[in-house]
Every structure is written in structure tokens, then in C-alpha cells.
Protein backbone atom coordinates (compact mmCIF):
# COMPACT_ATOMS: atom_id res chain seq x y z
CA MET A 1 5.30 26.65 9.59
CA THR A 2 8.37 24.40 10.00
CA ILE A 3 8.79 21.14 8.10
CA ALA A 4 8.27 19.06 11.23
CA SER A 5 5.20 21.03 12.27
CA ALA A 6 3.77 20.55 8.78
CA ILE A 7 4.25 16.80 9.09
CA TRP A 8 2.35 16.75 12.34
CA SER A 9 -0.47 18.95 11.05
CA ASP A 10 -0.83 16.86 7.85
CA ARG A 11 -1.29 13.49 9.53
CA ALA A 12 -4.35 12.78 7.38
CA GLY A 13 -2.29 13.39 4.25
CA ILE A 14 0.39 11.03 5.48
CA ALA A 15 -2.27 8.38 6.05
CA ARG A 16 -3.46 8.70 2.44
CA VAL A 17 -0.04 8.03 0.91
CA CYS A 18 1.40 5.79 3.60
CA PRO A 19 -0.47 2.68 4.73
CA ASN A 20 1.63 2.60 7.93
CA ALA A 21 0.88 6.13 9.02
CA HIS A 22 0.98 5.57 12.77
CA ARG A 23 4.60 4.49 12.87
CA PHE A 24 5.79 6.68 10.01
CA ALA A 25 4.30 9.88 11.46
CA THR A 26 6.67 9.66 14.42
CA GLN A 27 9.62 8.59 12.29
CA LEU A 28 9.05 11.35 9.75
CA LEU A 29 9.13 13.90 12.54
CA SER A 30 12.60 12.62 13.44
CA ALA A 31 13.65 12.81 9.79
CA ALA A 32 12.43 16.40 9.50
CA LEU A 33 14.26 17.40 12.65
CA ALA A 34 17.43 15.85 11.25
CA LEU A 35 17.00 18.10 8.21
CA GLY A 36 16.95 21.16 10.40
CA GLY A 37 13.26 21.55 11.23
CA ALA A 38 11.59 22.19 14.55
CA VAL A 39 8.27 20.99 15.85
CA ALA A 40 5.65 22.69 17.94
CA GLU A 41 4.13 20.82 20.86
CA PRO A 42 1.48 18.49 19.35
CA ALA A 43 -1.99 17.91 20.70
CA PRO A 44 -1.96 14.22 21.68
CA ALA A 45 -5.75 13.92 21.77
CA ALA A 46 -5.97 14.76 18.06
CA PHE A 47 -3.74 11.88 16.94
CA PRO A 48 -4.80 8.27 17.65
CA LEU A 49 -1.81 6.37 18.96
CA PRO A 50 -1.23 2.68 18.09
CA GLY A 51 -3.06 0.14 20.19
CA ALA A 52 -6.40 -1.68 20.11
CA ASP A 53 -7.91 -0.83 16.70
CA GLY A 54 -5.40 1.98 16.10
CA ALA A 55 -2.58 -0.19 14.75
CA LEU A 56 -4.66 -2.50 12.59
CA ASP A 57 -4.12 -0.53 9.38
CA GLU A 58 -0.47 -1.54 9.48
CA PHE A 59 -1.35 -5.14 8.57
CA ASP A 60 -1.65 -5.96 4.88
CA SER A 61 -3.88 -8.98 5.51
CA LEU A 62 -6.40 -7.34 7.83
CA ARG A 63 -9.14 -4.79 7.14
CA LEU A 64 -11.90 -3.16 9.18
CA VAL A 65 -15.17 -2.52 7.31
CA GLN A 66 -18.69 -1.47 8.21
CA SER A 67 -21.41 -3.90 7.19
CA LYS A 68 -24.23 -2.22 5.26
CA VAL A 69 -26.56 -5.05 6.26
CA THR A 70 -26.03 -5.14 10.02
CA GLY A 71 -24.42 -1.72 10.48
CA LYS A 72 -21.76 -3.37 12.64
CA GLU A 73 -18.01 -3.26 12.37
CA ARG A 74 -16.41 -6.29 10.80
CA LEU A 75 -12.81 -7.43 10.89
CA ILE A 76 -11.60 -9.30 7.81
CA LEU A 77 -8.43 -11.32 8.35
CA GLY A 78 -6.38 -13.53 6.04
CA ASP A 79 -4.17 -16.19 7.58
CA ILE A 80 -0.96 -17.95 6.63
CA HIS A 81 -2.86 -21.19 5.98
CA GLY A 82 -4.85 -19.72 3.09
CA PHE A 83 -8.18 -18.97 4.77
CA LEU A 84 -10.10 -15.71 5.08
CA HIS A 85 -11.95 -15.08 8.36
CA VAL A 86 -14.68 -12.52 9.03
CA TYR A 87 -15.40 -11.36 12.59
CA GLU A 88 -18.26 -9.07 13.58
CA LYS A 89 -18.15 -6.81 16.61
CA ARG A 90 -20.92 -7.79 18.98
CA GLN A 91 -21.25 -6.62 22.58
CA GLY A 92 -17.69 -5.38 22.75
CA SER A 93 -15.94 -8.41 21.24
CA TYR A 94 -15.37 -9.83 17.76
CA GLN A 95 -17.18 -13.05 16.92
CA GLU A 96 -16.32 -15.14 13.87
CA ILE A 97 -19.25 -15.24 11.45
CA TRP A 98 -17.66 -16.68 8.31
CA ILE A 99 -14.62 -18.59 7.11
CA SER A 100 -13.65 -19.14 3.50
CA GLU A 101 -12.70 -22.20 1.59
CA TYR A 102 -8.99 -22.71 0.97
CA PHE A 103 -7.49 -19.92 -1.14
CA GLU A 104 -4.53 -21.97 -2.38
CA GLY A 105 -1.71 -20.24 -0.54
CA PRO A 106 -0.94 -17.90 2.36
CA ILE A 107 -2.98 -14.70 2.12
CA SER A 108 -0.59 -11.79 1.58
CA GLY A 109 -2.94 -8.81 1.29
CA ILE A 110 -6.52 -7.53 1.27
CA PHE A 111 -7.85 -4.40 -0.44
CA VAL A 112 -11.29 -2.77 -0.18
CA THR A 113 -12.02 -1.05 -3.48
CA ASP A 114 -14.40 -0.85 -6.45
CA ILE A 115 -12.16 -3.01 -8.61
CA ASN A 116 -14.66 -3.72 -11.42
CA ASN A 117 -16.22 -0.24 -11.75
CA ASP A 118 -19.74 -1.31 -10.73
CA GLU A 119 -20.05 1.48 -8.13
CA LEU A 120 -19.84 -1.11 -5.32
CA GLU A 121 -16.81 -1.91 -3.22
CA GLU A 122 -15.34 -5.40 -3.41
CA LEU A 123 -12.67 -7.26 -1.48
CA VAL A 124 -9.51 -8.00 -3.45
CA VAL A 125 -7.55 -10.80 -1.83
CA TYR A 126 -4.21 -12.07 -3.11
CA THR A 127 -2.04 -14.98 -2.05
CA GLU A 128 1.67 -15.55 -1.99
CA ASP A 129 1.22 -18.46 -4.41
CA GLY A 130 -0.05 -16.40 -7.33
CA ARG A 131 -3.83 -16.27 -6.92
CA PHE A 132 -6.08 -13.24 -6.51
CA TYR A 133 -9.82 -13.11 -5.89
CA PHE A 134 -12.59 -10.51 -6.13
CA LEU A 135 -15.16 -11.09 -3.37
CA ASP A 136 -18.55 -9.58 -2.58
CA ILE A 137 -17.99 -7.37 0.47
CA GLU A 138 -21.23 -8.44 2.19
CA ASP A 139 -21.72 -12.17 1.55
CA TYR A 140 -18.05 -12.92 0.61
CA ASN A 141 -18.95 -15.00 -2.43
CA THR A 142 -16.23 -15.13 -5.05
CA ILE A 143 -17.08 -12.86 -7.99
CA TRP A 144 -13.99 -13.85 -9.96
CA SER A 145 -10.51 -15.27 -9.54
CA ASN A 146 -7.51 -15.64 -11.82
CA PRO A 147 -6.76 -19.12 -13.16
CA PRO A 148 -4.59 -21.50 -11.14
CA ASN A 149 -0.94 -21.63 -12.21
CA GLU A 150 -1.14 -18.29 -14.06
CA TYR A 151 1.55 -16.99 -11.68
CA GLU A 152 3.74 -19.00 -9.36
CA HIS A 153 4.50 -16.27 -6.82
CA ILE A 154 3.24 -12.75 -6.08
CA SER A 155 5.61 -10.81 -3.84
CA SER A 156 3.67 -7.51 -3.60
CA MET A 157 0.53 -5.79 -4.86
CA TYR A 158 -0.99 -2.30 -4.97
CA VAL A 159 -4.36 -1.05 -6.27
CA TYR A 160 -4.40 2.25 -8.19
CA ASN A 161 -5.84 3.79 -11.35
CA VAL A 162 -2.72 4.37 -13.47
CA ASP A 163 -4.36 5.20 -16.81
CA ASP A 164 -7.26 7.12 -18.33
CA ASP A 165 -9.97 4.51 -17.86
CA ALA A 166 -12.59 4.53 -15.11
CA GLN A 167 -11.46 1.54 -13.07
CA GLU A 168 -8.47 0.81 -10.91
CA GLU A 169 -5.71 -1.58 -11.85
CA LEU A 170 -3.88 -4.25 -9.90
CA ILE A 171 -0.18 -3.43 -9.86
CA PHE A 172 1.87 -6.37 -8.68
CA VAL A 173 5.19 -8.16 -8.92
CA ALA A 174 4.80 -11.77 -9.99
CA ASP A 175 7.52 -14.22 -11.00
CA GLY A 176 10.08 -11.42 -11.21
CA ARG A 177 8.06 -9.03 -13.41
CA LEU A 178 6.02 -5.92 -12.69
CA ILE A 179 2.49 -6.48 -14.02
CA ILE A 180 -0.45 -4.13 -14.52
CA PHE A 181 -3.81 -5.91 -14.59
CA ASP A 182 -7.14 -4.41 -15.66
CA GLY A 183 -9.65 -4.89 -12.83
CA GLN A 184 -12.81 -4.46 -14.90
CA ASP A 185 -12.05 -6.49 -18.03
CA ARG A 186 -9.71 -8.84 -16.15
CA PHE A 187 -6.72 -9.04 -18.41
CA GLU A 188 -3.02 -8.32 -18.17
CA GLU A 189 -2.43 -4.86 -19.66
CA TRP A 190 1.34 -4.83 -19.42
CA ARG A 191 4.35 -6.61 -18.00
CA SER A 192 7.89 -5.35 -17.57
CA ASP A 193 10.88 -6.45 -19.59
CA GLU A 194 12.79 -6.81 -16.33
CA GLU A 195 12.54 -10.41 -15.11
CA SER A 196 14.33 -10.32 -11.75
CA LEU A 197 12.25 -7.88 -9.70
CA GLN A 198 11.91 -8.81 -6.03
CA ALA A 199 9.83 -5.96 -4.63
CA THR A 200 7.85 -6.65 -1.47
CA TYR A 201 6.33 -3.14 -1.30
CA ILE A 202 4.82 -0.88 -3.98
CA LEU A 203 3.68 2.76 -3.92
CA VAL A 204 2.39 5.14 -6.62
CA GLY A 205 2.92 8.91 -6.64
CA ASP A 206 4.60 11.80 -8.45
CA VAL A 207 8.09 11.57 -7.00
CA ASP A 208 10.02 13.50 -9.64
CA GLY A 209 7.85 16.61 -10.02
CA ASP A 210 6.89 16.01 -13.68
CA GLY A 211 3.14 16.07 -12.97
CA ALA A 212 2.74 12.35 -13.68
CA ASP A 213 2.72 9.42 -11.29
CA GLU A 214 5.49 6.90 -10.90
CA ILE A 215 5.34 3.31 -9.67
CA ILE A 216 7.96 2.87 -6.96
CA LEU A 217 9.22 -0.60 -6.02
CA ASN A 218 11.11 -0.98 -2.78
CA ASP A 219 13.88 -2.94 -4.48
CA GLY A 220 14.97 0.30 -6.18
CA TYR A 221 13.02 0.44 -9.45
CA VAL A 222 10.96 3.47 -10.52
CA TYR A 223 8.59 3.25 -13.52
CA ASP A 224 6.48 5.86 -15.27
CA ALA A 225 2.93 4.85 -14.31
CA ARG A 226 1.26 5.84 -17.58
CA TYR A 227 3.85 4.93 -20.23
CA ARG A 228 5.51 2.17 -18.16
CA ASP A 229 9.06 3.24 -18.97
CA LEU A 230 11.79 2.38 -16.48
CA GLU A 231 12.83 5.83 -15.22
CA TRP A 232 15.47 4.81 -12.70
CA GLN A 233 17.08 1.72 -11.27
CA SER A 234 18.69 2.63 -7.96
CA SER A 235 21.84 0.83 -6.89
CA GLN A 236 20.29 0.35 -3.46
CA SER A 237 16.86 -0.58 -2.22
CA PHE A 238 14.37 1.89 -0.73
CA GLY A 239 13.88 -0.21 2.41
CA GLN A 240 11.45 -2.84 3.61
CA ARG A 241 8.55 -0.35 3.66
CA MET A 242 8.03 3.07 2.13
CA GLY A 243 6.08 6.27 2.55
CA LEU A 244 5.86 9.43 0.40
CA LEU A 245 6.17 12.97 1.74
CA ASP A 246 7.57 16.32 0.64
CA VAL A 247 10.11 16.56 3.44
CA ASP A 248 12.18 19.52 2.22
CA GLY A 249 9.35 21.74 0.97
CA ASP A 250 10.44 21.76 -2.70
CA GLY A 251 6.99 20.66 -3.91
CA ILE A 252 8.18 17.16 -4.85
CA LEU A 253 7.47 14.03 -2.85
CA GLU A 254 10.43 12.16 -1.42
CA VAL A 255 10.52 8.42 -0.78
CA ILE A 256 10.91 7.62 2.91
CA GLY A 257 12.31 4.12 3.32
CA GLU A 258 12.21 2.11 6.51
CA PHE A 259 15.14 -0.26 7.07
CA GLY A 260 15.38 -2.99 9.66
CA ASP A 261 11.87 -2.11 10.88
CA ARG A 262 13.32 0.98 12.53
CA PHE A 263 15.74 3.24 10.64
CA LEU A 264 14.79 5.75 7.95
CA ARG A 265 16.47 6.93 4.77
CA ILE A 266 15.14 9.66 2.47
CA PHE A 267 15.48 9.44 -1.32
CA ASP A 268 15.22 12.28 -3.84
CA ILE A 269 13.94 10.44 -6.92
CA ASP A 270 14.14 13.56 -9.10
CA LEU A 271 17.83 13.98 -8.20
CA ARG A 272 18.51 10.22 -8.27
CA ARG A 273 20.17 10.12 -4.87
CA MET A 274 19.68 9.55 -1.17
CA LYS A 275 19.11 12.78 0.72
CA SER A 276 21.65 13.54 3.45
CA PRO A 277 20.35 15.30 6.58
CA ARG A 278 23.63 17.24 6.68
CA ARG A 279 22.97 18.96 3.33
């Protein structure tokens, strides 16, 4: 199987590591072809193209969930004014059924996850102005929120279990530092020594082949996820958005960076360099 054909056949895998799978799947095919691959004719019916509900997973502040109470699809949307809206699909259209109180800043992202290890999914909502909230996924009551003025600005966030405990952690950049926050006991586990981080996108994965995950910031910083050491500070950024994929078949994930909402660059983190398609 060629590299490009493998990308097409592993669309589900791309979706797991790349939140923007619809756009990246096409772009990664182009990247693989530039590296000398070839692609077999795909089966269009097997791959949902963007449009209608298909592109919604590209938005950080919008999530589709299934209500366990009504059994209906619900659309959860955070707006720039600091309010969370819930729409339920009824008779072919979405009708607003709930709107939150003011969340003290533009809503930057929403996650659906069991953040407090109670075997129930919650909504994690964070704002640009330094607040994050854990909400009940059915009635949207606030379970917990961090104190006001704890952070002035959160530029990016990711949810992932980066240690040996049972629950996931919040990984975010706030006020120039990378911070790891325990979701169950609700305390700051660690913060970076670096004080000038400006990442707007975070991913976690084993990108150097050492068997352990790294935290990758799109402004060029790579940290060991478990021991929190700074492994590499790149002289250039990894793009506005990122995806992870083993493009060259060496068993190690590369970082695929999207620049200018269009162009791709591929980075070998283990070799500490940008991969050239001519090599």
C-alpha cells in the first residue's frame, strides 16, 4: 500500500488525532504525493465530505451530542459574547432550548469528556478571558468553575490524560505559560518555566518515537508529557493548526502544520527539522 493510499484508508485514524480531519485528509494526500506516493481511486461514498453537519467538527466552540433524556441530537454552541446556546433537532431543524448566563468572556472551546472521573461525560467550556467551567451534559448546570482572575488569558486548551492517574487533565496555555490542571481534584499540577508561550493550538502524541507522548504547541515548543521537560524549541512555528500522521512510514508520527489556512509543512520532531518533499 502506498503512503497516500494508507492516508485515505485510515481516515478514521486521522480523525482521532486531528480535530480538523475533513480538510486535513485532502491536504495530507497532497503532502504524501509530494513525498513520492501514489493514491488509488477513493470511494467517495465512504468519506463524508464537508457540508451540513459534516464540517461542524472543525469548530472549537461547537459540539454535537446525543441527549440521553430525549434521544435527540443537540448542538452546543459558544458565542463571542460569552454565552453558551443549546439547540435540539426537532422536525428537521434546530430549535434553541437553553441559553447560559454570561461566562465572563468569549467562549474559545468546548470539550465533551469525563473530566472528573465519575463515569459520566461533562461539558468543559473555556473562555478567552481565563475562565473554564465543568457543566452537566444534560441540564447544563455548572458543576464547578475556576475562580475569577486566576488567569487573565487562555490562548489554547487540550484535554488528555498525560499521567498515570485515572482522569484526564486540562492542558492549556495561560498568561504565557503551559499549565497542566487536574480535572478530578481541580488543582494546578504543573506550570512551565517558560513565560512567553503564545500557542493557539495544542496536540498530544508520540512524535519522536520514544514510546512516550509529547505535548506539541503550535508556536514551536515540544514538551515531554509525563516529565514535563522541554524537549525542543523550534526556531519556527508549526503553523496555525496541526495534525499528526506517520507520513513517511518510519513508525513515528510527524507534525503536519497548516499555514495561512491553506499550505502545509511537515516536521520531523525526532530529527528536529522540517521535512522536505524533495528528500
